[in-house]
Amino acid sequence: MIFEIDFNRETDESTLEEIGAKLVSTGADKYPPFEIYKIELNTFEELEQLLNKVNLIKGKFYSAVINFDPPAIFLDYNV
């Protein structure tokens, strides 16, 4: 399944690209956002691997807030 993906508290485009997210046009030409990051995940194991990779890159423990309508993942670090 293809999910929109972003960080909940900050924006870090380099980390999003490093974990495999691709910048995709929204088709909007008048109001932003004009592009969003998307990633394909098909299993919970892939989600777990994604979180482990983000934790390693960022040096914090992240959790995923997942929405299915529309499909979106927001990465948030545990305070």
PDB file of N, CA and C in Angstrom:
ATOM      1  N   MET A   1       0.847  -1.167   0.000  1.00  0.00           N
ATOM      2  CA  MET A   1       0.000   0.000   0.000  1.00  0.00           C
ATOM      3  C   MET A   1       0.894   1.231   0.000  1.00  0.00           C
ATOM      4  N   ILE A   2       0.504   2.229  -0.744  1.00  0.00           N
ATOM      5  CA  ILE A   2       1.278   3.466  -0.828  1.00  0.00           C
ATOM      6  C   ILE A   2       0.722   4.472   0.176  1.00  0.00           C
ATOM      7  N   PHE A   3       1.630   5.001   1.016  1.00  0.00           N
ATOM      8  CA  PHE A   3       1.277   5.947   2.069  1.00  0.00           C
ATOM      9  C   PHE A   3       1.962   7.280   1.828  1.00  0.00           C
ATOM     10  N   GLU A   4       1.273   8.366   2.148  1.00  0.00           N
ATOM     11  CA  GLU A   4       1.937   9.650   2.304  1.00  0.00           C
ATOM     12  C   GLU A   4       2.744   9.525   3.585  1.00  0.00           C
ATOM     13  N   ILE A   5       3.946  10.091   3.635  1.00  0.00           N
ATOM     14  CA  ILE A   5       4.773   9.978   4.830  1.00  0.00           C
ATOM     15  C   ILE A   5       5.412  11.317   5.148  1.00  0.00           C
ATOM     16  N   ASP A   6       5.454  11.643   6.432  1.00  0.00           N
ATOM     17  CA  ASP A   6       6.090  12.882   6.879  1.00  0.00           C
ATOM     18  C   ASP A   6       6.358  12.770   8.368  1.00  0.00           C
ATOM     19  N   PHE A   7       7.154  13.684   8.875  1.00  0.00           N
ATOM     20  CA  PHE A   7       7.400  13.764  10.310  1.00  0.00           C
ATOM     21  C   PHE A   7       6.322  14.636  10.941  1.00  0.00           C
ATOM     22  N   ASN A   8       5.925  14.292  12.152  1.00  0.00           N
ATOM     23  CA  ASN A   8       4.857  15.002  12.831  1.00  0.00           C
ATOM     24  C   ASN A   8       5.317  16.341  13.396  1.00  0.00           C
ATOM     25  N   ARG A   9       6.544  16.420  13.911  1.00  0.00           N
ATOM     26  CA  ARG A   9       6.993  17.633  14.594  1.00  0.00           C
ATOM     27  C   ARG A   9       7.984  18.465  13.801  1.00  0.00           C
ATOM     28  N   GLU A  10       8.668  17.842  12.868  1.00  0.00           N
ATOM     29  CA  GLU A  10       9.673  18.575  12.104  1.00  0.00           C
ATOM     30  C   GLU A  10       9.619  18.117  10.654  1.00  0.00           C
ATOM     31  N   THR A  11      10.325  18.821   9.811  1.00  0.00           N
ATOM     32  CA  THR A  11      10.442  18.425   8.409  1.00  0.00           C
ATOM     33  C   THR A  11      11.890  18.034   8.175  1.00  0.00           C
ATOM     34  N   ASP A  12      12.100  16.857   7.613  1.00  0.00           N
ATOM     35  CA  ASP A  12      13.451  16.377   7.335  1.00  0.00           C
ATOM     36  C   ASP A  12      13.435  15.621   6.014  1.00  0.00           C
ATOM     37  N   GLU A  13      13.555  16.382   4.934  1.00  0.00           N
ATOM     38  CA  GLU A  13      13.461  15.798   3.602  1.00  0.00           C
ATOM     39  C   GLU A  13      14.591  14.813   3.324  1.00  0.00           C
ATOM     40  N   SER A  14      15.793  15.081   3.837  1.00  0.00           N
ATOM     41  CA  SER A  14      16.916  14.181   3.559  1.00  0.00           C
ATOM     42  C   SER A  14      16.689  12.812   4.191  1.00  0.00           C
ATOM     43  N   THR A  15      16.123  12.769   5.394  1.00  0.00           N
ATOM     44  CA  THR A  15      15.827  11.483   6.027  1.00  0.00           C
ATOM     45  C   THR A  15      14.712  10.765   5.279  1.00  0.00           C
ATOM     46  N   LEU A  16      13.698  11.487   4.845  1.00  0.00           N
ATOM     47  CA  LEU A  16      12.617  10.871   4.080  1.00  0.00           C
ATOM     48  C   LEU A  16      13.162  10.225   2.808  1.00  0.00           C
ATOM     49  N   GLU A  17      14.063  10.909   2.130  1.00  0.00           N
ATOM     50  CA  GLU A  17      14.653  10.344   0.917  1.00  0.00           C
ATOM     51  C   GLU A  17      15.553   9.154   1.243  1.00  0.00           C
ATOM     52  N   GLU A  18      16.263   9.231   2.378  1.00  0.00           N
ATOM     53  CA  GLU A  18      17.156   8.141   2.777  1.00  0.00           C
ATOM     54  C   GLU A  18      16.398   6.857   3.105  1.00  0.00           C
ATOM     55  N   ILE A  19      15.167   6.983   3.610  1.00  0.00           N
ATOM     56  CA  ILE A  19      14.388   5.781   3.936  1.00  0.00           C
ATOM     57  C   ILE A  19      13.604   5.258   2.744  1.00  0.00           C
ATOM     58  N   GLY A  20      13.717   5.947   1.602  1.00  0.00           N
ATOM     59  CA  GLY A  20      13.089   5.446   0.388  1.00  0.00           C
ATOM     60  C   GLY A  20      11.823   6.143  -0.044  1.00  0.00           C
ATOM     61  N   ALA A  21      11.454   7.233   0.616  1.00  0.00           N
ATOM     62  CA  ALA A  21      10.260   7.980   0.213  1.00  0.00           C
ATOM     63  C   ALA A  21      10.552   8.763  -1.063  1.00  0.00           C
ATOM     64  N   LYS A  22       9.554   8.870  -1.907  1.00  0.00           N
ATOM     65  CA  LYS A  22       9.679   9.585  -3.178  1.00  0.00           C
ATOM     66  C   LYS A  22       8.782  10.811  -3.169  1.00  0.00           C
ATOM     67  N   LEU A  23       9.296  11.907  -3.701  1.00  0.00           N
ATOM     68  CA  LEU A  23       8.535  13.143  -3.812  1.00  0.00           C
ATOM     69  C   LEU A  23       7.584  13.029  -4.999  1.00  0.00           C
ATOM     70  N   VAL A  24       6.280  13.231  -4.752  1.00  0.00           N
ATOM     71  CA  VAL A  24       5.250  13.046  -5.767  1.00  0.00           C
ATOM     72  C   VAL A  24       4.402  14.315  -5.856  1.00  0.00           C
ATOM     73  N   SER A  25       4.083  14.714  -7.062  1.00  0.00           N
ATOM     74  CA  SER A  25       3.245  15.884  -7.276  1.00  0.00           C
ATOM     75  C   SER A  25       1.815  15.605  -6.800  1.00  0.00           C
ATOM     76  N   THR A  26       1.194  16.593  -6.182  1.00  0.00           N
ATOM     77  CA  THR A  26      -0.192  16.444  -5.734  1.00  0.00           C
ATOM     78  C   THR A  26      -1.174  16.806  -6.842  1.00  0.00           C
ATOM     79  N   GLY A  27      -0.684  17.432  -7.895  1.00  0.00           N
ATOM     80  CA  GLY A  27      -1.557  17.879  -8.975  1.00  0.00           C
ATOM     81  C   GLY A  27      -2.144  19.257  -8.729  1.00  0.00           C
ATOM     82  N   ALA A  28      -1.905  19.800  -7.540  1.00  0.00           N
ATOM     83  CA  ALA A  28      -2.396  21.142  -7.221  1.00  0.00           C
ATOM     84  C   ALA A  28      -1.493  22.178  -7.874  1.00  0.00           C
ATOM     85  N   ASP A  29      -2.083  23.216  -8.414  1.00  0.00           N
ATOM     86  CA  ASP A  29      -1.267  24.279  -8.985  1.00  0.00           C
ATOM     87  C   ASP A  29      -1.575  25.645  -8.378  1.00  0.00           C
ATOM     88  N   LYS A  30      -2.555  25.678  -7.483  1.00  0.00           N
ATOM     89  CA  LYS A  30      -2.938  26.952  -6.886  1.00  0.00           C
ATOM     90  C   LYS A  30      -2.583  27.032  -5.401  1.00  0.00           C
ATOM     91  N   TYR A  31      -2.866  25.953  -4.648  1.00  0.00           N
ATOM     92  CA  TYR A  31      -2.630  25.959  -3.202  1.00  0.00           C
ATOM     93  C   TYR A  31      -1.685  24.826  -2.819  1.00  0.00           C
ATOM     94  N   PRO A  32      -0.739  25.115  -1.914  1.00  0.00           N
ATOM     95  CA  PRO A  32       0.179  24.067  -1.470  1.00  0.00           C
ATOM     96  C   PRO A  32      -0.533  23.056  -0.577  1.00  0.00           C
ATOM     97  N   PRO A  33       0.004  21.877  -0.401  1.00  0.00           N
ATOM     98  CA  PRO A  33       1.299  21.430  -0.892  1.00  0.00           C
ATOM     99  C   PRO A  33       1.229  21.008  -2.355  1.00  0.00           C
ATOM    100  N   PHE A  34       2.294  21.299  -3.068  1.00  0.00           N
ATOM    101  CA  PHE A  34       2.359  20.939  -4.477  1.00  0.00           C
ATOM    102  C   PHE A  34       2.992  19.565  -4.672  1.00  0.00           C
ATOM    103  N   GLU A  35       3.813  19.160  -3.683  1.00  0.00           N
ATOM    104  CA  GLU A  35       4.451  17.850  -3.704  1.00  0.00           C
ATOM    105  C   GLU A  35       4.442  17.277  -2.292  1.00  0.00           C
ATOM    106  N   ILE A  36       4.299  15.956  -2.199  1.00  0.00           N
ATOM    107  CA  ILE A  36       4.348  15.267  -0.913  1.00  0.00           C
ATOM    108  C   ILE A  36       5.210  14.021  -1.066  1.00  0.00           C
ATOM    109  N   TYR A  37       5.712  13.537   0.052  1.00  0.00           N
ATOM    110  CA  TYR A  37       6.509  12.312   0.036  1.00  0.00           C
ATOM    111  C   TYR A  37       5.586  11.113   0.204  1.00  0.00           C
ATOM    112  N   LYS A  38       5.865  10.059  -0.577  1.00  0.00           N
ATOM    113  CA  LYS A  38       5.099   8.819  -0.480  1.00  0.00           C
ATOM    114  C   LYS A  38       6.063   7.644  -0.398  1.00  0.00           C
ATOM    115  N   ILE A  39       5.595   6.583   0.261  1.00  0.00           N
ATOM    116  CA  ILE A  39       6.387   5.365   0.415  1.00  0.00           C
ATOM    117  C   ILE A  39       5.457   4.171   0.327  1.00  0.00           C
ATOM    118  N   GLU A  40       5.963   3.067  -0.208  1.00  0.00           N
ATOM    119  CA  GLU A  40       5.154   1.857  -0.309  1.00  0.00           C
ATOM    120  C   GLU A  40       5.571   0.874   0.776  1.00  0.00           C
ATOM    121  N   LEU A  41       4.605   0.447   1.585  1.00  0.00           N
ATOM    122  CA  LEU A  41       4.802  -0.565   2.615  1.00  0.00           C
ATOM    123  C   LEU A  41       3.702  -1.605   2.463  1.00  0.00           C
ATOM    124  N   ASN A  42       4.082  -2.876   2.477  1.00  0.00           N
ATOM    125  CA  ASN A  42       3.098  -3.934   2.276  1.00  0.00           C
ATOM    126  C   ASN A  42       2.886  -4.822   3.495  1.00  0.00           C
ATOM    127  N   THR A  43       3.809  -4.767   4.458  1.00  0.00           N
ATOM    128  CA  THR A  43       3.676  -5.618   5.649  1.00  0.00           C
ATOM    129  C   THR A  43       4.054  -4.814   6.890  1.00  0.00           C
ATOM    130  N   PHE A  44       3.656  -5.336   8.039  1.00  0.00           N
ATOM    131  CA  PHE A  44       4.043  -4.705   9.297  1.00  0.00           C
ATOM    132  C   PHE A  44       5.543  -4.853   9.534  1.00  0.00           C
ATOM    133  N   GLU A  45       6.146  -5.902   8.991  1.00  0.00           N
ATOM    134  CA  GLU A  45       7.595  -6.072   9.096  1.00  0.00           C
ATOM    135  C   GLU A  45       8.324  -4.940   8.378  1.00  0.00           C
ATOM    136  N   GLU A  46       7.807  -4.529   7.216  1.00  0.00           N
ATOM    137  CA  GLU A  46       8.400  -3.402   6.496  1.00  0.00           C
ATOM    138  C   GLU A  46       8.260  -2.111   7.295  1.00  0.00           C
ATOM    139  N   LEU A  47       7.145  -1.937   7.975  1.00  0.00           N
ATOM    140  CA  LEU A  47       6.949  -0.770   8.836  1.00  0.00           C
ATOM    141  C   LEU A  47       7.940  -0.795   9.992  1.00  0.00           C
ATOM    142  N   GLU A  48       8.140  -1.963  10.583  1.00  0.00           N
ATOM    143  CA  GLU A  48       9.094  -2.100  11.687  1.00  0.00           C
ATOM    144  C   GLU A  48      10.512  -1.782  11.208  1.00  0.00           C
ATOM    145  N   GLN A  49      10.887  -2.265  10.026  1.00  0.00           N
ATOM    146  CA  GLN A  49      12.210  -1.977   9.470  1.00  0.00           C
ATOM    147  C   GLN A  49      12.365  -0.483   9.206  1.00  0.00           C
ATOM    148  N   LEU A  50      11.310   0.141   8.712  1.00  0.00           N
ATOM    149  CA  LEU A  50      11.326   1.582   8.461  1.00  0.00           C
ATOM    150  C   LEU A  50      11.565   2.351   9.758  1.00  0.00           C
ATOM    151  N   LEU A  51      10.839   1.999  10.804  1.00  0.00           N
ATOM    152  CA  LEU A  51      11.008   2.685  12.096  1.00  0.00           C
ATOM    153  C   LEU A  51      12.411   2.466  12.657  1.00  0.00           C
ATOM    154  N   ASN A  52      12.943   1.248  12.531  1.00  0.00           N
ATOM    155  CA  ASN A  52      14.304   0.977  13.001  1.00  0.00           C
ATOM    156  C   ASN A  52      15.324   1.823  12.250  1.00  0.00           C
ATOM    157  N   LYS A  53      15.131   1.987  10.957  1.00  0.00           N
ATOM    158  CA  LYS A  53      16.038   2.797  10.150  1.00  0.00           C
ATOM    159  C   LYS A  53      15.960   4.261  10.557  1.00  0.00           C
ATOM    160  N   VAL A  54      14.745   4.767  10.772  1.00  0.00           N
ATOM    161  CA  VAL A  54      14.572   6.156  11.213  1.00  0.00           C
ATOM    162  C   VAL A  54      15.209   6.355  12.587  1.00  0.00           C
ATOM    163  N   ASN A  55      15.014   5.408  13.504  1.00  0.00           N
ATOM    164  CA  ASN A  55      15.616   5.500  14.837  1.00  0.00           C
ATOM    165  C   ASN A  55      17.134   5.577  14.741  1.00  0.00           C
ATOM    166  N   LEU A  56      17.720   4.766  13.874  1.00  0.00           N
ATOM    167  CA  LEU A  56      19.162   4.745  13.703  1.00  0.00           C
ATOM    168  C   LEU A  56      19.665   6.070  13.123  1.00  0.00           C
ATOM    169  N   ILE A  57      18.982   6.581  12.119  1.00  0.00           N
ATOM    170  CA  ILE A  57      19.395   7.828  11.468  1.00  0.00           C
ATOM    171  C   ILE A  57      19.253   9.015  12.417  1.00  0.00           C
ATOM    172  N   LYS A  58      18.130   9.093  13.109  1.00  0.00           N
ATOM    173  CA  LYS A  58      17.817  10.269  13.916  1.00  0.00           C
ATOM    174  C   LYS A  58      18.366  10.194  15.350  1.00  0.00           C
ATOM    175  N   GLY A  59      18.685   8.984  15.830  1.00  0.00           N
ATOM    176  CA  GLY A  59      19.195   8.845  17.191  1.00  0.00           C
ATOM    177  C   GLY A  59      18.129   9.019  18.257  1.00  0.00           C
ATOM    178  N   LYS A  60      16.873   8.866  17.887  1.00  0.00           N
ATOM    179  CA  LYS A  60      15.738   8.939  18.817  1.00  0.00           C
ATOM    180  C   LYS A  60      14.828   7.766  18.513  1.00  0.00           C
ATOM    181  N   PHE A  61      13.901   7.500  19.421  1.00  0.00           N
ATOM    182  CA  PHE A  61      12.935   6.425  19.195  1.00  0.00           C
ATOM    183  C   PHE A  61      11.644   7.013  18.632  1.00  0.00           C
ATOM    184  N   TYR A  62      11.308   6.592  17.430  1.00  0.00           N
ATOM    185  CA  TYR A  62      10.135   7.105  16.733  1.00  0.00           C
ATOM    186  C   TYR A  62       9.008   6.083  16.750  1.00  0.00           C
ATOM    187  N   SER A  63       7.798   6.595  16.723  1.00  0.00           N
ATOM    188  CA  SER A  63       6.614   5.760  16.546  1.00  0.00           C
ATOM    189  C   SER A  63       5.908   6.249  15.288  1.00  0.00           C
ATOM    190  N   ALA A  64       4.976   5.435  14.812  1.00  0.00           N
ATOM    191  CA  ALA A  64       4.254   5.779  13.588  1.00  0.00           C
ATOM    192  C   ALA A  64       2.778   5.950  13.901  1.00  0.00           C
ATOM    193  N   VAL A  65       2.230   7.083  13.510  1.00  0.00           N
ATOM    194  CA  VAL A  65       0.796   7.312  13.570  1.00  0.00           C
ATOM    195  C   VAL A  65       0.292   7.030  12.159  1.00  0.00           C
ATOM    196  N   ILE A  66      -0.577   6.019  12.033  1.00  0.00           N
ATOM    197  CA  ILE A  66      -1.001   5.560  10.717  1.00  0.00           C
ATOM    198  C   ILE A  66      -2.480   5.863  10.509  1.00  0.00           C
ATOM    199  N   ASN A  67      -2.775   6.383   9.338  1.00  0.00           N
ATOM    200  CA  ASN A  67      -4.147   6.666   8.932  1.00  0.00           C
ATOM    201  C   ASN A  67      -4.396   5.912   7.629  1.00  0.00           C
ATOM    202  N   PHE A  68      -5.586   5.380   7.447  1.00  0.00           N
ATOM    203  CA  PHE A  68      -5.885   4.634   6.234  1.00  0.00           C
ATOM    204  C   PHE A  68      -6.860   5.337   5.301  1.00  0.00           C
ATOM    205  N   ASP A  69      -7.401   6.483   5.685  1.00  0.00           N
ATOM    206  CA  ASP A  69      -8.325   7.199   4.811  1.00  0.00           C
ATOM    207  C   ASP A  69      -8.088   8.695   4.933  1.00  0.00           C
ATOM    208  N   PRO A  70      -7.185   9.282   4.225  1.00  0.00           N
ATOM    209  CA  PRO A  70      -6.307   8.734   3.197  1.00  0.00           C
ATOM    210  C   PRO A  70      -5.105   8.040   3.836  1.00  0.00           C
ATOM    211  N   PRO A  71      -4.446   7.131   3.117  1.00  0.00           N
ATOM    212  CA  PRO A  71      -3.300   6.415   3.670  1.00  0.00           C
ATOM    213  C   PRO A  71      -2.142   7.367   3.966  1.00  0.00           C
ATOM    214  N   ALA A  72      -1.773   7.470   5.235  1.00  0.00           N
ATOM    215  CA  ALA A  72      -0.710   8.372   5.631  1.00  0.00           C
ATOM    216  C   ALA A  72      -0.006   7.833   6.866  1.00  0.00           C
ATOM    217  N   ILE A  73       1.297   8.089   6.957  1.00  0.00           N
ATOM    218  CA  ILE A  73       2.099   7.728   8.115  1.00  0.00           C
ATOM    219  C   ILE A  73       2.781   9.008   8.578  1.00  0.00           C
ATOM    220  N   PHE A  74       2.640   9.307   9.860  1.00  0.00           N
ATOM    221  CA  PHE A  74       3.336  10.432  10.458  1.00  0.00           C
ATOM    222  C   PHE A  74       4.287   9.882  11.507  1.00  0.00           C
ATOM    223  N   LEU A  75       5.568  10.188  11.352  1.00  0.00           N
ATOM    224  CA  LEU A  75       6.601   9.717  12.267  1.00  0.00           C
ATOM    225  C   LEU A  75       6.763  10.727  13.387  1.00  0.00           C
ATOM    226  N   ASP A  76       6.742  10.240  14.616  1.00  0.00           N
ATOM    227  CA  ASP A  76       6.801  11.108  15.788  1.00  0.00           C
ATOM    228  C   ASP A  76       7.764  10.501  16.794  1.00  0.00           C
ATOM    229  N   TYR A  77       8.651  11.329  17.347  1.00  0.00           N
ATOM    230  CA  TYR A  77       9.575  10.790  18.348  1.00  0.00           C
ATOM    231  C   TYR A  77       8.930  10.796  19.716  1.00  0.00           C
ATOM    232  N   ASN A  78       9.342   9.791  20.515  1.00  0.00           N
ATOM    233  CA  ASN A  78       8.825   9.654  21.873  1.00  0.00           C
ATOM    234  C   ASN A  78       9.595  10.595  22.777  1.00  0.00           C
ATOM    235  N   VAL A  79       8.886  11.422  23.486  1.00  0.00           N
ATOM    236  CA  VAL A  79       9.504  12.419  24.354  1.00  0.00           C
ATOM    237  C   VAL A  79       9.939  11.788  25.645  1.00  0.00           C
TER     238      VAL A  79
END
